[in-house]
Amino acid sequence: MQFGIIGSGSWATALAKILTDNNHTINWWIRNDATIRHIQQRRHNPHYLHSANFNSSLLQMSSSMEFVINNSEVLVVAVPAAYIKDACSGLNKDAFANKKIISAIKGILPESNELLNEYLERNFGVQPGNYFTVLGPCHAEEVAAEKLSYLTFSGIDETLTPAIAACFKTDYLNTLVNYDVTGVQYAAILKNIYALGAGIAHGLEYGDNFLSVYIANSANEMVRFLRKITTEKSHTTEGIHYASSVYLGDLLVTCYSLFSRNRMFGNMIGKGYTVTSAQLEMNMIAEGYYAVNCLHQVNKQYKVNMPICDAVYAILYGKRAPVPEMKHLAEHLS
């Protein structure tokens, strides 16, 4: 398989490392020509994961997305969800014809409140059988350090999904497979929202005892929503094990880890930062900030009881003060 990667952030860089460590050549779309020159000369991304070094002979980098798409069979999309529409705005409607798409996005597209597969099918005709996801508890920083991690690949093609997953398996990365394309994407969206809340609680100096109860309730809330939406969109929840790594595992690491940018963002809000000041301080995208607004709109249709998501939304978009909002939430956790 000839892989192409769209995006040059920390997660895109980690995925590029995984594939090249397995001796795959990759086409890599990087918007900034100066970044391309730096990687060619110094063999690492100057902005993310400096410790991840590349064999430059395996990299074909370009600032032309059309070049990367045209010369790749399988495209890994690792652009933040908030920027997907802008990145794809200049592409022809048939740009992804006969291409396999792997979404490495842990977010939902703002404004349209769509998953990436829904956006690609509506705008570019990408069929469900050509769409896959790569998700799970896997921080880019730990991949760069080659610490043992796990990724789950999802797709409805029961032959091609394991074949794609096998291309990413290394000594430091185990790959798993499931077929719950809708559920794993919403789980990734929700865990970012719950990590925001965990960060807010930490910023307000709630302790580990509270956080354990908070995460347990978050897991229950996630399962309620996933059962509802997968039944509506996929018409089945049969065979889905929500305690597995791509659901519960990713929730746990995103809520607890110091690498979690969503937890970091929430921590700043809890300590009194405004949204704008927290965004400027981090200089990275916290997907949960956009996701909680999208999820709030989506749930108007499904009407799932989601008090934790509602509390995070009230703080970030309803301008509610964190202290009374988290106190009210704490009184209703079980």
C-alpha atoms as a PDB file:
ATOM      1  CA  MET A   1       0.000   0.000   0.000  1.00  0.00           C
ATOM      2  CA  GLN A   2       1.201   3.499  -0.801  1.00  0.00           C
ATOM      3  CA  PHE A   3       0.317   5.724   2.131  1.00  0.00           C
ATOM      4  CA  GLY A   4      -0.179   9.470   2.159  1.00  0.00           C
ATOM      5  CA  ILE A   5      -0.502  11.608   5.277  1.00  0.00           C
ATOM      6  CA  ILE A   6      -2.481  14.842   5.334  1.00  0.00           C
ATOM      7  CA  GLY A   7      -1.368  17.040   8.221  1.00  0.00           C
ATOM      8  CA  SER A   8       1.870  17.835  10.036  1.00  0.00           C
ATOM      9  CA  GLY A   9       0.919  18.215  13.714  1.00  0.00           C
ATOM     10  CA  SER A  10       2.039  15.963  16.548  1.00  0.00           C
ATOM     11  CA  TRP A  11      -0.284  13.072  15.740  1.00  0.00           C
ATOM     12  CA  ALA A  12       0.443  13.228  11.993  1.00  0.00           C
ATOM     13  CA  THR A  13       4.151  13.217  12.825  1.00  0.00           C
ATOM     14  CA  ALA A  14       3.722  10.196  15.118  1.00  0.00           C
ATOM     15  CA  LEU A  15       1.841   8.286  12.414  1.00  0.00           C
ATOM     16  CA  ALA A  16       4.542   9.157   9.890  1.00  0.00           C
ATOM     17  CA  LYS A  17       7.110   7.734  12.316  1.00  0.00           C
ATOM     18  CA  ILE A  18       5.138   4.508  12.734  1.00  0.00           C
ATOM     19  CA  LEU A  19       4.826   3.915   8.993  1.00  0.00           C
ATOM     20  CA  THR A  20       8.436   4.778   8.163  1.00  0.00           C
ATOM     21  CA  ASP A  21       9.676   2.636  11.069  1.00  0.00           C
ATOM     22  CA  ASN A  22       7.936  -0.188   9.199  1.00  0.00           C
ATOM     23  CA  ASN A  23       9.856   0.831   6.057  1.00  0.00           C
ATOM     24  CA  HIS A  24       6.808   2.203   4.240  1.00  0.00           C
ATOM     25  CA  THR A  25       7.437   5.119   1.926  1.00  0.00           C
ATOM     26  CA  ILE A  26       4.939   7.923   2.534  1.00  0.00           C
ATOM     27  CA  ASN A  27       3.691  10.975   0.687  1.00  0.00           C
ATOM     28  CA  TRP A  28       3.286  13.698   3.276  1.00  0.00           C
ATOM     29  CA  TRP A  29       1.258  16.893   2.885  1.00  0.00           C
ATOM     30  CA  ILE A  30       2.829  19.691   4.914  1.00  0.00           C
ATOM     31  CA  ARG A  31       1.407  23.143   4.320  1.00  0.00           C
ATOM     32  CA  ASN A  32       4.605  25.065   5.138  1.00  0.00           C
ATOM     33  CA  ASP A  33       7.547  24.756   2.706  1.00  0.00           C
ATOM     34  CA  ALA A  34       9.986  25.876   5.418  1.00  0.00           C
ATOM     35  CA  THR A  35       8.909  22.902   7.552  1.00  0.00           C
ATOM     36  CA  ILE A  36       9.488  20.585   4.599  1.00  0.00           C
ATOM     37  CA  ARG A  37      13.007  21.941   4.110  1.00  0.00           C
ATOM     38  CA  HIS A  38      13.771  21.528   7.818  1.00  0.00           C
ATOM     39  CA  ILE A  39      12.667  17.883   7.835  1.00  0.00           C
ATOM     40  CA  GLN A  40      14.684  17.214   4.687  1.00  0.00           C
ATOM     41  CA  GLN A  41      17.805  18.729   6.227  1.00  0.00           C
ATOM     42  CA  ARG A  42      17.456  17.848   9.905  1.00  0.00           C
ATOM     43  CA  ARG A  43      15.207  14.739   9.700  1.00  0.00           C
ATOM     44  CA  HIS A  44      12.726  15.857  12.370  1.00  0.00           C
ATOM     45  CA  ASN A  45       9.654  18.082  12.546  1.00  0.00           C
ATOM     46  CA  PRO A  46      10.761  21.476  13.917  1.00  0.00           C
ATOM     47  CA  HIS A  47       7.404  22.144  15.558  1.00  0.00           C
ATOM     48  CA  TYR A  48       6.307  18.776  16.998  1.00  0.00           C
ATOM     49  CA  LEU A  49       7.943  15.661  18.466  1.00  0.00           C
ATOM     50  CA  HIS A  50      11.548  16.774  18.008  1.00  0.00           C
ATOM     51  CA  SER A  51      12.799  13.379  19.168  1.00  0.00           C
ATOM     52  CA  ALA A  52      11.103  11.558  16.256  1.00  0.00           C
ATOM     53  CA  ASN A  53      13.783  11.190  13.565  1.00  0.00           C
ATOM     54  CA  PHE A  54      13.024  10.094  10.006  1.00  0.00           C
ATOM     55  CA  ASN A  55      14.801   8.290   7.232  1.00  0.00           C
ATOM     56  CA  SER A  56      14.336  11.085   4.687  1.00  0.00           C
ATOM     57  CA  SER A  57      14.624   8.641   1.786  1.00  0.00           C
ATOM     58  CA  LEU A  58      11.199   7.281   2.792  1.00  0.00           C
ATOM     59  CA  LEU A  59       9.540  10.723   2.733  1.00  0.00           C
ATOM     60  CA  GLN A  60       8.047  12.425  -0.293  1.00  0.00           C
ATOM     61  CA  MET A  61       6.849  15.727   1.182  1.00  0.00           C
ATOM     62  CA  SER A  62       4.822  18.345  -0.635  1.00  0.00           C
ATOM     63  CA  SER A  63       2.805  21.479   0.116  1.00  0.00           C
ATOM     64  CA  SER A  64       0.415  20.389  -2.666  1.00  0.00           C
ATOM     65  CA  MET A  65      -2.416  18.298  -1.280  1.00  0.00           C
ATOM     66  CA  GLU A  66      -3.360  17.268  -4.813  1.00  0.00           C
ATOM     67  CA  PHE A  67       0.115  15.758  -5.304  1.00  0.00           C
ATOM     68  CA  VAL A  68      -0.140  13.706  -2.125  1.00  0.00           C
ATOM     69  CA  ILE A  69      -3.670  12.519  -2.912  1.00  0.00           C
ATOM     70  CA  ASN A  70      -2.913  11.621  -6.527  1.00  0.00           C
ATOM     71  CA  ASN A  71       0.177   9.609  -5.623  1.00  0.00           C
ATOM     72  CA  SER A  72      -1.295   7.662  -2.688  1.00  0.00           C
ATOM     73  CA  GLU A  73      -3.635   4.695  -2.396  1.00  0.00           C
ATOM     74  CA  VAL A  74      -4.407   5.110   1.299  1.00  0.00           C
ATOM     75  CA  LEU A  75      -4.719   8.581   2.825  1.00  0.00           C
ATOM     76  CA  VAL A  76      -4.337   9.164   6.565  1.00  0.00           C
ATOM     77  CA  VAL A  77      -6.182  12.379   7.485  1.00  0.00           C
ATOM     78  CA  ALA A  78      -4.658  13.971  10.592  1.00  0.00           C
ATOM     79  CA  VAL A  79      -5.786  17.589  10.387  1.00  0.00           C
ATOM     80  CA  PRO A  80      -7.740  18.991  13.372  1.00  0.00           C
ATOM     81  CA  ALA A  81     -11.474  18.690  12.730  1.00  0.00           C
ATOM     82  CA  ALA A  82     -11.923  22.459  12.911  1.00  0.00           C
ATOM     83  CA  TYR A  83      -9.620  22.901   9.880  1.00  0.00           C
ATOM     84  CA  ILE A  84     -10.815  20.053   7.635  1.00  0.00           C
ATOM     85  CA  LYS A  85     -13.176  22.133   5.499  1.00  0.00           C
ATOM     86  CA  ASP A  86     -10.530  24.784   4.907  1.00  0.00           C
ATOM     87  CA  ALA A  87      -7.906  22.175   3.993  1.00  0.00           C
ATOM     88  CA  CYS A  88     -10.231  20.478   1.487  1.00  0.00           C
ATOM     89  CA  SER A  89     -11.796  23.635   0.079  1.00  0.00           C
ATOM     90  CA  GLY A  90      -9.756  23.668  -3.137  1.00  0.00           C
ATOM     91  CA  LEU A  91     -10.178  19.999  -4.033  1.00  0.00           C
ATOM     92  CA  ASN A  92     -12.230  18.684  -6.938  1.00  0.00           C
ATOM     93  CA  LYS A  93     -15.341  16.678  -6.129  1.00  0.00           C
ATOM     94  CA  ASP A  94     -13.667  13.504  -7.427  1.00  0.00           C
ATOM     95  CA  ALA A  95     -10.387  14.089  -5.560  1.00  0.00           C
ATOM     96  CA  PHE A  96     -10.809  10.986  -3.363  1.00  0.00           C
ATOM     97  CA  ALA A  97     -12.184   8.668  -6.051  1.00  0.00           C
ATOM     98  CA  ASN A  98     -10.922   5.098  -5.501  1.00  0.00           C
ATOM     99  CA  LYS A  99      -8.897   6.180  -2.461  1.00  0.00           C
ATOM    100  CA  LYS A 100      -8.994   4.550   0.954  1.00  0.00           C
ATOM    101  CA  ILE A 101      -9.344   7.115   3.746  1.00  0.00           C
ATOM    102  CA  ILE A 102      -8.116   6.581   7.310  1.00  0.00           C
ATOM    103  CA  SER A 103      -9.377   9.180   9.758  1.00  0.00           C
ATOM    104  CA  ALA A 104      -6.954  10.001  12.564  1.00  0.00           C
ATOM    105  CA  ILE A 105      -9.231  12.814  13.745  1.00  0.00           C
ATOM    106  CA  LYS A 106     -10.592  12.851  17.296  1.00  0.00           C
ATOM    107  CA  GLY A 107     -13.167  15.523  16.664  1.00  0.00           C
ATOM    108  CA  ILE A 108     -16.316  16.586  14.896  1.00  0.00           C
ATOM    109  CA  LEU A 109     -16.553  19.196  12.137  1.00  0.00           C
ATOM    110  CA  PRO A 110     -17.865  22.508  13.513  1.00  0.00           C
ATOM    111  CA  GLU A 111     -20.899  24.223  11.982  1.00  0.00           C
ATOM    112  CA  SER A 112     -22.142  21.116  10.149  1.00  0.00           C
ATOM    113  CA  ASN A 113     -21.678  18.879  13.247  1.00  0.00           C
ATOM    114  CA  GLU A 114     -20.580  15.993  11.022  1.00  0.00           C
ATOM    115  CA  LEU A 115     -18.195  13.101  11.440  1.00  0.00           C
ATOM    116  CA  LEU A 116     -15.440  13.086   8.830  1.00  0.00           C
ATOM    117  CA  ASN A 117     -16.993  10.159   6.924  1.00  0.00           C
ATOM    118  CA  GLU A 118     -20.304  12.022   6.683  1.00  0.00           C
ATOM    119  CA  TYR A 119     -18.558  15.128   5.341  1.00  0.00           C
ATOM    120  CA  LEU A 120     -16.475  13.159   2.816  1.00  0.00           C
ATOM    121  CA  GLU A 121     -19.446  11.159   1.567  1.00  0.00           C
ATOM    122  CA  ARG A 122     -21.606  14.272   1.150  1.00  0.00           C
ATOM    123  CA  ASN A 123     -18.962  16.424  -0.528  1.00  0.00           C
ATOM    124  CA  PHE A 124     -16.649  13.958  -2.282  1.00  0.00           C
ATOM    125  CA  GLY A 125     -18.676  10.770  -2.685  1.00  0.00           C
ATOM    126  CA  VAL A 126     -16.414   8.660  -0.432  1.00  0.00           C
ATOM    127  CA  GLN A 127     -18.260   5.400   0.174  1.00  0.00           C
ATOM    128  CA  PRO A 128     -18.465   3.733   3.620  1.00  0.00           C
ATOM    129  CA  GLY A 129     -16.426   0.735   2.486  1.00  0.00           C
ATOM    130  CA  ASN A 130     -13.461   2.984   1.695  1.00  0.00           C
ATOM    131  CA  TYR A 131     -13.429   4.726   5.081  1.00  0.00           C
ATOM    132  CA  PHE A 132     -11.510   3.631   8.183  1.00  0.00           C
ATOM    133  CA  THR A 133     -10.538   5.151  11.515  1.00  0.00           C
ATOM    134  CA  VAL A 134      -7.449   4.896  13.705  1.00  0.00           C
ATOM    135  CA  LEU A 135      -8.196   5.744  17.324  1.00  0.00           C
ATOM    136  CA  GLY A 136      -7.368   4.744  20.873  1.00  0.00           C
ATOM    137  CA  PRO A 137      -5.297   5.720  23.923  1.00  0.00           C
ATOM    138  CA  CYS A 138      -2.123   6.675  22.110  1.00  0.00           C
ATOM    139  CA  HIS A 139      -0.389   9.965  22.919  1.00  0.00           C
ATOM    140  CA  ALA A 140       1.931  11.147  20.161  1.00  0.00           C
ATOM    141  CA  GLU A 141       4.651  11.929  22.709  1.00  0.00           C
ATOM    142  CA  GLU A 142       4.750   8.306  23.886  1.00  0.00           C
ATOM    143  CA  VAL A 143       4.847   7.025  20.310  1.00  0.00           C
ATOM    144  CA  ALA A 144       7.849   9.280  19.672  1.00  0.00           C
ATOM    145  CA  ALA A 145       9.489   7.787  22.781  1.00  0.00           C
ATOM    146  CA  GLU A 146       8.559   4.276  21.548  1.00  0.00           C
ATOM    147  CA  LYS A 147       6.598   3.435  24.689  1.00  0.00           C
ATOM    148  CA  LEU A 148       4.231   0.528  24.186  1.00  0.00           C
ATOM    149  CA  SER A 149       0.886   1.793  22.891  1.00  0.00           C
ATOM    150  CA  TYR A 150      -2.299   0.419  21.328  1.00  0.00           C
ATOM    151  CA  LEU A 151      -4.323   1.631  18.347  1.00  0.00           C
ATOM    152  CA  THR A 152      -7.701   0.379  17.135  1.00  0.00           C
ATOM    153  CA  PHE A 153      -8.535   0.408  13.428  1.00  0.00           C
ATOM    154  CA  SER A 154     -12.221   0.425  12.519  1.00  0.00           C
ATOM    155  CA  GLY A 155     -13.923  -0.137   9.174  1.00  0.00           C
ATOM    156  CA  ILE A 156     -16.784  -2.096   7.689  1.00  0.00           C
ATOM    157  CA  ASP A 157     -14.521  -4.029   5.295  1.00  0.00           C
ATOM    158  CA  GLU A 158     -13.605  -7.098   7.345  1.00  0.00           C
ATOM    159  CA  THR A 159     -10.708  -8.019   5.046  1.00  0.00           C
ATOM    160  CA  LEU A 160      -9.087  -4.664   4.405  1.00  0.00           C
ATOM    161  CA  THR A 161      -9.388  -3.299   7.964  1.00  0.00           C
ATOM    162  CA  PRO A 162      -6.995  -5.909   9.469  1.00  0.00           C
ATOM    163  CA  ALA A 163      -4.667  -5.535   6.464  1.00  0.00           C
ATOM    164  CA  ILE A 164      -4.373  -1.786   7.046  1.00  0.00           C
ATOM    165  CA  ALA A 165      -3.918  -2.298  10.793  1.00  0.00           C
ATOM    166  CA  ALA A 166      -1.031  -4.704  10.138  1.00  0.00           C
ATOM    167  CA  CYS A 167       0.908  -1.960   8.329  1.00  0.00           C
ATOM    168  CA  PHE A 168       1.089   0.027  11.582  1.00  0.00           C
ATOM    169  CA  LYS A 169       2.097  -2.761  13.968  1.00  0.00           C
ATOM    170  CA  THR A 170       5.592  -2.302  15.428  1.00  0.00           C
ATOM    171  CA  ASP A 171       7.574  -3.466  18.450  1.00  0.00           C
ATOM    172  CA  TYR A 172       6.185  -0.485  20.378  1.00  0.00           C
ATOM    173  CA  LEU A 173       2.683  -0.388  18.879  1.00  0.00           C
ATOM    174  CA  ASN A 174       0.016  -3.084  19.004  1.00  0.00           C
ATOM    175  CA  THR A 175      -2.931  -2.824  16.634  1.00  0.00           C
ATOM    176  CA  LEU A 176      -6.493  -3.953  17.260  1.00  0.00           C
ATOM    177  CA  VAL A 177      -9.513  -4.128  14.950  1.00  0.00           C
ATOM    178  CA  ASN A 178     -13.223  -3.469  15.348  1.00  0.00           C
ATOM    179  CA  TYR A 179     -16.069  -2.550  13.010  1.00  0.00           C
ATOM    180  CA  ASP A 180     -17.892   0.156  14.983  1.00  0.00           C
ATOM    181  CA  VAL A 181     -17.011   3.117  12.745  1.00  0.00           C
ATOM    182  CA  THR A 182     -19.683   5.441  14.138  1.00  0.00           C
ATOM    183  CA  GLY A 183     -19.225   4.531  17.798  1.00  0.00           C
ATOM    184  CA  VAL A 184     -15.436   4.859  17.956  1.00  0.00           C
ATOM    185  CA  GLN A 185     -15.576   8.324  16.390  1.00  0.00           C
ATOM    186  CA  TYR A 186     -18.165   9.595  18.850  1.00  0.00           C
ATOM    187  CA  ALA A 187     -16.244   7.986  21.723  1.00  0.00           C
ATOM    188  CA  ALA A 188     -13.164   9.978  20.665  1.00  0.00           C
ATOM    189  CA  ILE A 189     -15.240  13.165  20.568  1.00  0.00           C
ATOM    190  CA  LEU A 190     -16.793  12.548  23.970  1.00  0.00           C
ATOM    191  CA  LYS A 191     -13.576  11.639  25.781  1.00  0.00           C
ATOM    192  CA  ASN A 192     -12.133  15.030  24.816  1.00  0.00           C
ATOM    193  CA  ILE A 193     -15.155  16.748  26.342  1.00  0.00           C
ATOM    194  CA  TYR A 194     -14.859  14.702  29.528  1.00  0.00           C
ATOM    195  CA  ALA A 195     -11.135  15.520  29.700  1.00  0.00           C
ATOM    196  CA  LEU A 196     -12.021  19.211  29.614  1.00  0.00           C
ATOM    197  CA  GLY A 197     -14.267  18.657  32.631  1.00  0.00           C
ATOM    198  CA  ALA A 198     -11.563  16.641  34.393  1.00  0.00           C
ATOM    199  CA  GLY A 199      -9.135  19.488  33.799  1.00  0.00           C
ATOM    200  CA  ILE A 200     -11.612  22.059  35.111  1.00  0.00           C
ATOM    201  CA  ALA A 201     -12.075  19.949  38.256  1.00  0.00           C
ATOM    202  CA  HIS A 202      -8.308  19.703  38.720  1.00  0.00           C
ATOM    203  CA  GLY A 203      -7.942  23.454  38.268  1.00  0.00           C
ATOM    204  CA  LEU A 204     -10.564  23.935  40.978  1.00  0.00           C
ATOM    205  CA  GLU A 205      -8.486  21.622  43.231  1.00  0.00           C
ATOM    206  CA  TYR A 206     -10.844  18.659  43.315  1.00  0.00           C
ATOM    207  CA  GLY A 207      -8.876  15.550  44.262  1.00  0.00           C
ATOM    208  CA  ASP A 208      -8.359  12.052  42.903  1.00  0.00           C
ATOM    209  CA  ASN A 209     -11.344  10.644  44.803  1.00  0.00           C
ATOM    210  CA  PHE A 210     -13.699  13.014  43.020  1.00  0.00           C
ATOM    211  CA  LEU A 211     -11.979  12.479  39.689  1.00  0.00           C
ATOM    212  CA  SER A 212     -12.462   8.718  39.868  1.00  0.00           C
ATOM    213  CA  VAL A 213     -16.199   9.175  40.423  1.00  0.00           C
ATOM    214  CA  TYR A 214     -16.331  11.814  37.694  1.00  0.00           C
ATOM    215  CA  ILE A 215     -14.669   9.479  35.153  1.00  0.00           C
ATOM    216  CA  ALA A 216     -16.914   6.548  36.108  1.00  0.00           C
ATOM    217  CA  ASN A 217     -19.949   8.739  35.498  1.00  0.00           C
ATOM    218  CA  SER A 218     -18.405   9.985  32.248  1.00  0.00           C
ATOM    219  CA  ALA A 219     -18.020   6.381  31.071  1.00  0.00           C
ATOM    220  CA  ASN A 220     -21.683   5.668  31.828  1.00  0.00           C
ATOM    221  CA  GLU A 221     -22.766   8.848  30.058  1.00  0.00           C
ATOM    222  CA  MET A 222     -20.635   7.931  27.034  1.00  0.00           C
ATOM    223  CA  VAL A 223     -22.167   4.464  26.788  1.00  0.00           C
ATOM    224  CA  ARG A 224     -25.705   5.907  26.983  1.00  0.00           C
ATOM    225  CA  PHE A 225     -24.977   8.197  24.063  1.00  0.00           C
ATOM    226  CA  LEU A 226     -23.091   5.602  21.997  1.00  0.00           C
ATOM    227  CA  ARG A 227     -25.863   3.031  22.367  1.00  0.00           C
ATOM    228  CA  LYS A 228     -28.410   5.589  21.231  1.00  0.00           C
ATOM    229  CA  ILE A 229     -26.493   6.961  18.259  1.00  0.00           C
ATOM    230  CA  THR A 230     -25.101   3.657  16.979  1.00  0.00           C
ATOM    231  CA  THR A 231     -28.588   2.163  17.104  1.00  0.00           C
ATOM    232  CA  GLU A 232     -29.897   5.139  15.113  1.00  0.00           C
ATOM    233  CA  LYS A 233     -27.054   5.319  12.572  1.00  0.00           C
ATOM    234  CA  SER A 234     -25.731   1.759  12.397  1.00  0.00           C
ATOM    235  CA  HIS A 235     -28.913  -0.007  13.570  1.00  0.00           C
ATOM    236  CA  THR A 236     -27.000  -2.279  15.940  1.00  0.00           C
ATOM    237  CA  THR A 237     -24.817  -2.285  19.045  1.00  0.00           C
ATOM    238  CA  GLU A 238     -24.225  -6.035  18.896  1.00  0.00           C
ATOM    239  CA  GLY A 239     -20.680  -7.132  19.681  1.00  0.00           C
ATOM    240  CA  ILE A 240     -19.493  -3.737  20.945  1.00  0.00           C
ATOM    241  CA  HIS A 241     -17.440  -3.956  24.146  1.00  0.00           C
ATOM    242  CA  TYR A 242     -17.344  -0.476  25.639  1.00  0.00           C
ATOM    243  CA  ALA A 243     -14.754  -1.419  28.264  1.00  0.00           C
ATOM    244  CA  SER A 244     -12.113  -1.926  25.553  1.00  0.00           C
ATOM    245  CA  SER A 245      -9.186   0.389  24.907  1.00  0.00           C
ATOM    246  CA  VAL A 246     -10.707   2.490  22.119  1.00  0.00           C
ATOM    247  CA  TYR A 247     -13.624   3.482  24.387  1.00  0.00           C
ATOM    248  CA  LEU A 248     -12.779   3.302  28.111  1.00  0.00           C
ATOM    249  CA  GLY A 249      -9.004   3.234  27.658  1.00  0.00           C
ATOM    250  CA  ASP A 250      -8.926   6.432  25.631  1.00  0.00           C
ATOM    251  CA  LEU A 251     -11.278   8.114  28.104  1.00  0.00           C
ATOM    252  CA  LEU A 252      -9.008   7.240  31.031  1.00  0.00           C
ATOM    253  CA  VAL A 253      -5.736   8.398  29.496  1.00  0.00           C
ATOM    254  CA  THR A 254      -7.225  11.641  28.173  1.00  0.00           C
ATOM    255  CA  CYS A 255      -8.689  12.531  31.565  1.00  0.00           C
ATOM    256  CA  TYR A 256      -5.576  11.610  33.579  1.00  0.00           C
ATOM    257  CA  SER A 257      -2.532  12.228  31.408  1.00  0.00           C
ATOM    258  CA  LEU A 258      -0.395  15.359  31.615  1.00  0.00           C
ATOM    259  CA  PHE A 259       0.076  15.017  27.827  1.00  0.00           C
ATOM    260  CA  SER A 260      -3.658  15.595  27.297  1.00  0.00           C
ATOM    261  CA  ARG A 261      -4.181  19.015  25.743  1.00  0.00           C
ATOM    262  CA  ASN A 262      -7.907  18.892  26.560  1.00  0.00           C
ATOM    263  CA  ARG A 263      -7.183  18.255  30.241  1.00  0.00           C
ATOM    264  CA  MET A 264      -4.595  21.049  30.115  1.00  0.00           C
ATOM    265  CA  PHE A 265      -7.113  23.431  28.530  1.00  0.00           C
ATOM    266  CA  GLY A 266      -9.751  22.574  31.140  1.00  0.00           C
ATOM    267  CA  ASN A 267      -7.205  23.007  33.939  1.00  0.00           C
ATOM    268  CA  MET A 268      -6.565  26.564  32.748  1.00  0.00           C
ATOM    269  CA  ILE A 269     -10.297  27.313  32.693  1.00  0.00           C
ATOM    270  CA  GLY A 270     -10.603  25.970  36.243  1.00  0.00           C
ATOM    271  CA  LYS A 271      -7.763  28.226  37.342  1.00  0.00           C
ATOM    272  CA  GLY A 272      -9.516  31.301  35.967  1.00  0.00           C
ATOM    273  CA  TYR A 273      -8.207  31.669  32.413  1.00  0.00           C
ATOM    274  CA  THR A 274     -10.642  32.880  29.781  1.00  0.00           C
ATOM    275  CA  VAL A 275     -11.163  30.661  26.735  1.00  0.00           C
ATOM    276  CA  THR A 276      -9.159  33.072  24.584  1.00  0.00           C
ATOM    277  CA  SER A 277      -6.249  33.322  27.011  1.00  0.00           C
ATOM    278  CA  ALA A 278      -6.126  29.530  27.427  1.00  0.00           C
ATOM    279  CA  GLN A 279      -6.039  29.062  23.644  1.00  0.00           C
ATOM    280  CA  LEU A 280      -3.212  31.586  23.291  1.00  0.00           C
ATOM    281  CA  GLU A 281      -1.248  30.036  26.154  1.00  0.00           C
ATOM    282  CA  MET A 282      -1.481  26.509  24.742  1.00  0.00           C
ATOM    283  CA  ASN A 283      -0.880  27.344  21.075  1.00  0.00           C
ATOM    284  CA  MET A 284      -2.443  23.955  20.239  1.00  0.00           C
ATOM    285  CA  ILE A 285      -5.946  22.814  19.349  1.00  0.00           C
ATOM    286  CA  ALA A 286      -8.061  21.402  22.181  1.00  0.00           C
ATOM    287  CA  GLU A 287     -10.595  19.461  20.108  1.00  0.00           C
ATOM    288  CA  GLY A 288     -12.986  19.192  23.054  1.00  0.00           C
ATOM    289  CA  TYR A 289     -13.656  22.933  23.028  1.00  0.00           C
ATOM    290  CA  TYR A 290     -15.251  22.733  19.579  1.00  0.00           C
ATOM    291  CA  ALA A 291     -16.669  19.273  20.189  1.00  0.00           C
ATOM    292  CA  VAL A 292     -18.792  20.188  23.212  1.00  0.00           C
ATOM    293  CA  ASN A 293     -20.683  22.803  21.212  1.00  0.00           C
ATOM    294  CA  CYS A 294     -21.206  20.378  18.312  1.00  0.00           C
ATOM    295  CA  LEU A 295     -22.280  17.584  20.649  1.00  0.00           C
ATOM    296  CA  HIS A 296     -24.730  19.933  22.360  1.00  0.00           C
ATOM    297  CA  GLN A 297     -26.359  20.598  18.972  1.00  0.00           C
ATOM    298  CA  VAL A 298     -26.335  16.914  17.931  1.00  0.00           C
ATOM    299  CA  ASN A 299     -27.938  15.818  21.200  1.00  0.00           C
ATOM    300  CA  LYS A 300     -30.921  18.070  20.561  1.00  0.00           C
ATOM    301  CA  GLN A 301     -31.969  15.325  18.155  1.00  0.00           C
ATOM    302  CA  TYR A 302     -31.112  12.311  20.333  1.00  0.00           C
ATOM    303  CA  LYS A 303     -32.082  13.763  23.725  1.00  0.00           C
ATOM    304  CA  VAL A 304     -29.704  11.589  25.770  1.00  0.00           C
ATOM    305  CA  ASN A 305     -29.305  12.551  29.442  1.00  0.00           C
ATOM    306  CA  MET A 306     -25.756  14.006  29.485  1.00  0.00           C
ATOM    307  CA  PRO A 307     -25.235  16.152  32.608  1.00  0.00           C
ATOM    308  CA  ILE A 308     -21.433  16.181  32.343  1.00  0.00           C
ATOM    309  CA  CYS A 309     -21.396  17.375  28.733  1.00  0.00           C
ATOM    310  CA  ASP A 310     -24.064  19.896  29.671  1.00  0.00           C
ATOM    311  CA  ALA A 311     -21.919  21.250  32.520  1.00  0.00           C
ATOM    312  CA  VAL A 312     -18.832  21.634  30.315  1.00  0.00           C
ATOM    313  CA  TYR A 313     -20.948  23.339  27.653  1.00  0.00           C
ATOM    314  CA  ALA A 314     -22.448  25.705  30.249  1.00  0.00           C
ATOM    315  CA  ILE A 315     -18.974  26.759  31.415  1.00  0.00           C
ATOM    316  CA  LEU A 316     -17.387  27.201  27.985  1.00  0.00           C
ATOM    317  CA  TYR A 317     -20.317  28.506  25.942  1.00  0.00           C
ATOM    318  CA  GLY A 318     -22.948  29.523  28.481  1.00  0.00           C
ATOM    319  CA  LYS A 319     -20.442  31.685  30.383  1.00  0.00           C
ATOM    320  CA  ARG A 320     -21.337  29.953  33.643  1.00  0.00           C
ATOM    321  CA  ALA A 321     -18.751  30.255  36.418  1.00  0.00           C
ATOM    322  CA  PRO A 322     -16.810  26.981  36.893  1.00  0.00           C
ATOM    323  CA  VAL A 323     -17.110  26.878  40.692  1.00  0.00           C
ATOM    324  CA  PRO A 324     -20.931  26.736  41.045  1.00  0.00           C
ATOM    325  CA  GLU A 325     -21.351  24.677  37.862  1.00  0.00           C
ATOM    326  CA  MET A 326     -18.947  21.954  39.005  1.00  0.00           C
ATOM    327  CA  LYS A 327     -20.427  22.042  42.509  1.00  0.00           C
ATOM    328  CA  HIS A 328     -23.898  21.468  41.041  1.00  0.00           C
ATOM    329  CA  LEU A 329     -22.571  18.625  38.883  1.00  0.00           C
ATOM    330  CA  ALA A 330     -20.760  17.036  41.841  1.00  0.00           C
ATOM    331  CA  GLU A 331     -24.011  16.879  43.787  1.00  0.00           C
ATOM    332  CA  HIS A 332     -25.616  14.790  41.050  1.00  0.00           C
ATOM    333  CA  LEU A 333     -22.846  12.240  40.370  1.00  0.00           C
ATOM    334  CA  SER A 334     -23.352   8.719  41.657  1.00  0.00           C
END
